[in-house]
Amino acid sequence: MVETENRTAALLENATGRLTARQKHASELEQVEGASGFARYQDYLRSVIAMAERGALSRMMYLAELR
């Protein structure tokens, strides 16, 4: 193992940014995804954010070297 890094902050930043961006373009996305599909994905992103904030979800990066 060469390196490990907790990337949870990046996961949180990504999910929050995606949620915000999708909300800004809600009407266009609802036309493409359907209202229920749009709502389902928004709920998924909210769940990811909530779990990461309370420590129930994390993203770890592992770098290994093949010998």
Protein backbone atom coordinates (compact mmCIF):
# COMPACT_ATOMS: atom_id res chain seq x y z
CA MET A 1 0.00 0.00 0.00
CA VAL A 2 1.56 3.26 -1.12
CA GLU A 3 -1.08 5.71 0.06
CA THR A 4 -4.59 5.99 1.46
CA GLU A 5 -6.75 9.09 1.51
CA ASN A 6 -10.19 9.85 2.88
CA ARG A 7 -12.06 11.39 -0.09
CA THR A 8 -15.40 11.83 1.73
CA ALA A 9 -15.15 15.64 1.56
CA ALA A 10 -14.90 15.41 -2.23
CA LEU A 11 -17.90 13.06 -2.33
CA LEU A 12 -19.88 15.57 -0.27
CA GLU A 13 -18.81 18.49 -2.46
CA ASN A 14 -19.70 16.57 -5.61
CA ALA A 15 -23.13 15.45 -4.40
CA THR A 16 -23.99 18.91 -3.06
CA GLY A 17 -22.91 20.60 -6.28
CA ARG A 18 -24.81 18.11 -8.40
CA LEU A 19 -27.96 18.54 -6.29
CA THR A 20 -27.77 22.33 -6.61
CA ALA A 21 -27.09 22.25 -10.35
CA ARG A 22 -29.90 19.80 -10.98
CA GLN A 23 -32.30 21.96 -8.97
CA LYS A 24 -31.39 25.00 -11.10
CA HIS A 25 -32.30 23.03 -14.24
CA ALA A 26 -35.23 21.12 -12.77
CA SER A 27 -37.73 21.84 -15.52
CA GLU A 28 -35.41 20.73 -18.32
CA LEU A 29 -34.33 17.62 -16.45
CA GLU A 30 -37.91 16.66 -15.60
CA GLN A 31 -38.71 16.74 -19.32
CA VAL A 32 -35.85 14.34 -20.04
CA GLU A 33 -36.01 12.11 -16.93
CA GLY A 34 -39.68 12.42 -16.06
CA ALA A 35 -40.91 13.97 -12.83
CA SER A 36 -40.56 10.77 -10.82
CA GLY A 37 -37.08 10.01 -12.20
CA PHE A 38 -35.92 13.52 -11.39
CA ALA A 39 -37.35 13.34 -7.86
CA ARG A 40 -35.86 9.88 -7.28
CA TYR A 41 -32.34 11.05 -8.21
CA GLN A 42 -32.68 14.21 -6.10
CA ASP A 43 -33.71 12.02 -3.15
CA TYR A 44 -30.70 9.78 -3.80
CA LEU A 45 -28.34 12.77 -3.72
CA ARG A 46 -29.93 14.05 -0.50
CA SER A 47 -29.45 10.59 1.04
CA VAL A 48 -25.79 10.50 0.00
CA ILE A 49 -25.25 13.94 1.54
CA ALA A 50 -27.03 13.06 4.78
CA MET A 51 -25.15 9.76 5.20
CA ALA A 52 -21.77 11.38 4.49
CA GLU A 53 -22.47 14.20 6.95
CA ARG A 54 -23.30 11.79 9.76
CA GLY A 55 -20.39 9.47 8.99
CA ALA A 56 -22.43 6.52 7.72
CA LEU A 57 -20.89 6.81 4.25
CA SER A 58 -17.31 7.49 3.29
CA ARG A 59 -15.13 7.31 0.22
CA MET A 60 -11.60 6.06 0.59
CA MET A 61 -8.85 6.12 -2.03
CA TYR A 62 -6.20 3.42 -1.97
CA LEU A 63 -3.05 3.55 -4.05
CA ALA A 64 -1.14 0.32 -4.35
CA GLU A 65 1.96 -0.60 -6.24
CA LEU A 66 2.13 -3.87 -8.12
CA ARG A 67 5.36 -5.73 -7.41
